[in-house]
Amino acid sequence: MSDVVWSINIMCGILIIGVSYCIYWIFTYDDRYPNPATVSEHEPDSEPLIDESRRSYPTDERVEVRTESYAH
């Protein structure tokens, strides 16, 4: 009976070690294979990603909300 318990403990230990290694590998992937970055991408004078002049804001639009009762 104790052989079954130890085999389950060993399998759980292998699973925990495997999952830990996979998480470590995912978190350190960018350190191992970095993307090439140019200086112009990190300058503070670069253009913003969102053009504020083209963004449209709904000023006074109303949304009608309907509630239906399903109780009979």
N, C-alpha and C. Protein backbone atom coordinates (compact mmCIF):
# COMPACT_ATOMS: atom_id res chain seq x y z
N MET A 1 0.82 -1.19 0.00
CA MET A 1 0.00 0.00 0.00
C MET A 1 0.87 1.26 0.00
N SER A 2 1.99 1.26 0.67
CA SER A 2 2.84 2.44 0.73
C SER A 2 3.53 2.71 -0.60
N ASP A 3 3.67 1.68 -1.46
CA ASP A 3 4.26 1.88 -2.78
C ASP A 3 3.40 2.80 -3.64
N VAL A 4 2.09 2.67 -3.51
CA VAL A 4 1.17 3.51 -4.29
C VAL A 4 1.30 4.96 -3.85
N VAL A 5 1.38 5.21 -2.57
CA VAL A 5 1.48 6.56 -2.05
C VAL A 5 2.79 7.21 -2.52
N TRP A 6 3.90 6.46 -2.46
CA TRP A 6 5.17 7.03 -2.89
C TRP A 6 5.18 7.29 -4.39
N SER A 7 4.54 6.47 -5.18
CA SER A 7 4.52 6.72 -6.62
C SER A 7 3.73 7.97 -6.95
N ILE A 8 2.66 8.21 -6.20
CA ILE A 8 1.88 9.45 -6.41
C ILE A 8 2.71 10.66 -5.98
N ASN A 9 3.45 10.56 -4.89
CA ASN A 9 4.31 11.65 -4.45
C ASN A 9 5.39 11.94 -5.48
N ILE A 10 5.96 10.91 -6.05
CA ILE A 10 7.00 11.10 -7.07
C ILE A 10 6.42 11.74 -8.31
N MET A 11 5.24 11.30 -8.73
CA MET A 11 4.60 11.90 -9.91
C MET A 11 4.24 13.37 -9.67
N CYS A 12 3.75 13.70 -8.48
CA CYS A 12 3.45 15.11 -8.16
C CYS A 12 4.72 15.94 -8.14
N GLY A 13 5.81 15.38 -7.61
CA GLY A 13 7.08 16.10 -7.60
C GLY A 13 7.59 16.36 -9.01
N ILE A 14 7.50 15.35 -9.89
CA ILE A 14 7.92 15.54 -11.29
C ILE A 14 7.05 16.59 -11.96
N LEU A 15 5.76 16.57 -11.68
CA LEU A 15 4.85 17.56 -12.27
C LEU A 15 5.19 18.97 -11.79
N ILE A 16 5.45 19.15 -10.51
CA ILE A 16 5.78 20.47 -9.98
C ILE A 16 7.10 20.98 -10.55
N ILE A 17 8.08 20.10 -10.66
CA ILE A 17 9.37 20.50 -11.25
C ILE A 17 9.21 20.87 -12.71
N GLY A 18 8.44 20.09 -13.46
CA GLY A 18 8.22 20.38 -14.88
C GLY A 18 7.49 21.69 -15.11
N VAL A 19 6.45 21.94 -14.32
CA VAL A 19 5.69 23.19 -14.47
C VAL A 19 6.55 24.38 -14.06
N SER A 20 7.34 24.21 -13.00
CA SER A 20 8.23 25.30 -12.58
C SER A 20 9.25 25.63 -13.66
N TYR A 21 9.82 24.61 -14.29
CA TYR A 21 10.79 24.86 -15.35
C TYR A 21 10.13 25.55 -16.55
N CYS A 22 8.91 25.13 -16.91
CA CYS A 22 8.21 25.78 -18.04
C CYS A 22 7.93 27.24 -17.74
N ILE A 23 7.49 27.56 -16.53
CA ILE A 23 7.23 28.95 -16.17
C ILE A 23 8.52 29.76 -16.19
N TYR A 24 9.60 29.19 -15.66
CA TYR A 24 10.90 29.87 -15.68
C TYR A 24 11.35 30.11 -17.12
N TRP A 25 11.17 29.11 -17.99
CA TRP A 25 11.58 29.23 -19.39
C TRP A 25 10.78 30.33 -20.10
N ILE A 26 9.49 30.42 -19.82
CA ILE A 26 8.65 31.46 -20.45
C ILE A 26 9.08 32.85 -19.97
N PHE A 27 9.33 33.00 -18.67
CA PHE A 27 9.69 34.32 -18.15
C PHE A 27 11.08 34.78 -18.59
N THR A 28 11.98 33.85 -18.86
CA THR A 28 13.34 34.24 -19.27
C THR A 28 13.52 34.18 -20.77
N TYR A 29 12.49 33.93 -21.54
CA TYR A 29 12.60 33.81 -23.00
C TYR A 29 13.10 35.11 -23.62
N ASP A 30 12.58 36.24 -23.14
CA ASP A 30 12.98 37.53 -23.72
C ASP A 30 14.43 37.86 -23.41
N ASP A 31 14.94 37.40 -22.28
CA ASP A 31 16.36 37.61 -21.97
C ASP A 31 17.26 36.80 -22.89
N ARG A 32 16.81 35.62 -23.25
CA ARG A 32 17.61 34.76 -24.11
C ARG A 32 17.52 35.15 -25.58
N TYR A 33 16.35 35.57 -26.03
CA TYR A 33 16.13 35.94 -27.43
C TYR A 33 15.53 37.34 -27.52
N PRO A 34 16.32 38.38 -27.27
CA PRO A 34 15.77 39.75 -27.27
C PRO A 34 15.48 40.22 -28.70
N ASN A 35 14.51 41.09 -28.82
CA ASN A 35 14.22 41.73 -30.10
C ASN A 35 15.24 42.84 -30.32
N PRO A 36 15.70 42.99 -31.57
CA PRO A 36 16.63 44.10 -31.80
C PRO A 36 15.88 45.43 -31.69
N ALA A 37 16.42 46.35 -30.89
CA ALA A 37 15.77 47.64 -30.68
C ALA A 37 16.68 48.73 -31.23
N THR A 38 16.07 49.68 -31.90
CA THR A 38 16.83 50.82 -32.39
C THR A 38 16.69 51.96 -31.41
N VAL A 39 17.55 52.94 -31.51
CA VAL A 39 17.54 54.07 -30.59
C VAL A 39 16.29 54.91 -30.79
N SER A 40 15.80 55.03 -32.01
CA SER A 40 14.66 55.90 -32.29
C SER A 40 13.38 55.39 -31.65
N GLU A 41 13.29 54.11 -31.34
CA GLU A 41 12.09 53.58 -30.71
C GLU A 41 11.96 54.02 -29.26
N HIS A 42 13.08 54.35 -28.63
CA HIS A 42 13.05 54.66 -27.21
C HIS A 42 13.26 56.14 -26.92
N GLU A 43 13.24 56.96 -27.93
CA GLU A 43 13.40 58.39 -27.70
C GLU A 43 12.08 58.99 -27.22
N PRO A 44 12.12 59.93 -26.29
CA PRO A 44 10.88 60.52 -25.81
C PRO A 44 10.22 61.45 -26.82
N ASP A 45 10.95 61.89 -27.84
CA ASP A 45 10.38 62.80 -28.83
C ASP A 45 9.67 62.07 -29.97
N SER A 46 9.55 60.76 -29.89
CA SER A 46 8.89 60.01 -30.97
C SER A 46 7.39 60.32 -30.96
N GLU A 47 6.74 60.03 -32.08
CA GLU A 47 5.32 60.34 -32.23
C GLU A 47 4.50 59.42 -31.34
N PRO A 48 3.36 59.90 -30.85
CA PRO A 48 2.51 59.04 -30.02
C PRO A 48 1.87 57.93 -30.86
N LEU A 49 1.49 56.86 -30.20
CA LEU A 49 0.88 55.74 -30.91
C LEU A 49 -0.54 56.05 -31.35
N ILE A 50 -1.24 56.92 -30.61
CA ILE A 50 -2.62 57.26 -30.94
C ILE A 50 -2.66 58.72 -31.37
N ASP A 51 -3.25 58.95 -32.52
CA ASP A 51 -3.39 60.30 -33.02
C ASP A 51 -4.63 60.91 -32.38
N GLU A 52 -4.44 61.84 -31.46
CA GLU A 52 -5.56 62.43 -30.71
C GLU A 52 -6.49 63.25 -31.60
N SER A 53 -5.99 63.81 -32.70
CA SER A 53 -6.84 64.63 -33.55
C SER A 53 -7.84 63.78 -34.33
N ARG A 54 -7.57 62.51 -34.53
CA ARG A 54 -8.47 61.66 -35.30
C ARG A 54 -9.43 60.90 -34.41
N ARG A 55 -9.24 60.96 -33.12
CA ARG A 55 -10.11 60.24 -32.21
C ARG A 55 -11.45 60.97 -32.09
N SER A 56 -12.52 60.22 -32.14
CA SER A 56 -13.83 60.84 -32.01
C SER A 56 -14.42 60.44 -30.66
N TYR A 57 -14.90 61.42 -29.95
CA TYR A 57 -15.52 61.18 -28.66
C TYR A 57 -17.02 61.41 -28.80
N PRO A 58 -17.82 60.48 -28.36
CA PRO A 58 -19.27 60.71 -28.40
C PRO A 58 -19.64 61.77 -27.36
N THR A 59 -20.16 62.86 -27.84
CA THR A 59 -20.41 63.97 -26.93
C THR A 59 -21.75 63.84 -26.21
N ASP A 60 -22.82 63.68 -26.96
CA ASP A 60 -24.13 63.68 -26.31
C ASP A 60 -24.98 62.54 -26.84
N GLU A 61 -24.38 61.43 -27.15
CA GLU A 61 -25.15 60.31 -27.65
C GLU A 61 -25.76 59.55 -26.48
N ARG A 62 -27.00 59.19 -26.63
CA ARG A 62 -27.71 58.46 -25.58
C ARG A 62 -27.93 57.03 -26.04
N VAL A 63 -27.81 56.12 -25.11
CA VAL A 63 -28.04 54.72 -25.40
C VAL A 63 -29.29 54.30 -24.66
N GLU A 64 -30.22 53.70 -25.41
CA GLU A 64 -31.45 53.27 -24.79
C GLU A 64 -31.26 51.86 -24.24
N VAL A 65 -31.60 51.68 -22.98
CA VAL A 65 -31.45 50.39 -22.33
C VAL A 65 -32.84 49.85 -22.07
N ARG A 66 -33.09 48.66 -22.56
CA ARG A 66 -34.41 48.05 -22.36
C ARG A 66 -34.26 46.88 -21.39
N THR A 67 -35.21 46.81 -20.49
CA THR A 67 -35.25 45.67 -19.59
C THR A 67 -36.53 44.93 -19.84
N GLU A 68 -36.39 43.62 -19.95
CA GLU A 68 -37.58 42.79 -20.19
C GLU A 68 -37.75 41.85 -19.02
N SER A 69 -38.97 41.66 -18.65
CA SER A 69 -39.27 40.75 -17.55
C SER A 69 -39.68 39.42 -18.14
N TYR A 70 -39.04 38.36 -17.68
CA TYR A 70 -39.37 37.04 -18.17
C TYR A 70 -40.26 36.27 -17.20
N ALA A 71 -40.66 36.92 -16.12
CA ALA A 71 -41.53 36.26 -15.17
C ALA A 71 -42.95 36.21 -15.74
N HIS A 72 -43.57 35.06 -15.62
CA HIS A 72 -44.93 34.91 -16.15
C HIS A 72 -45.92 34.75 -15.04
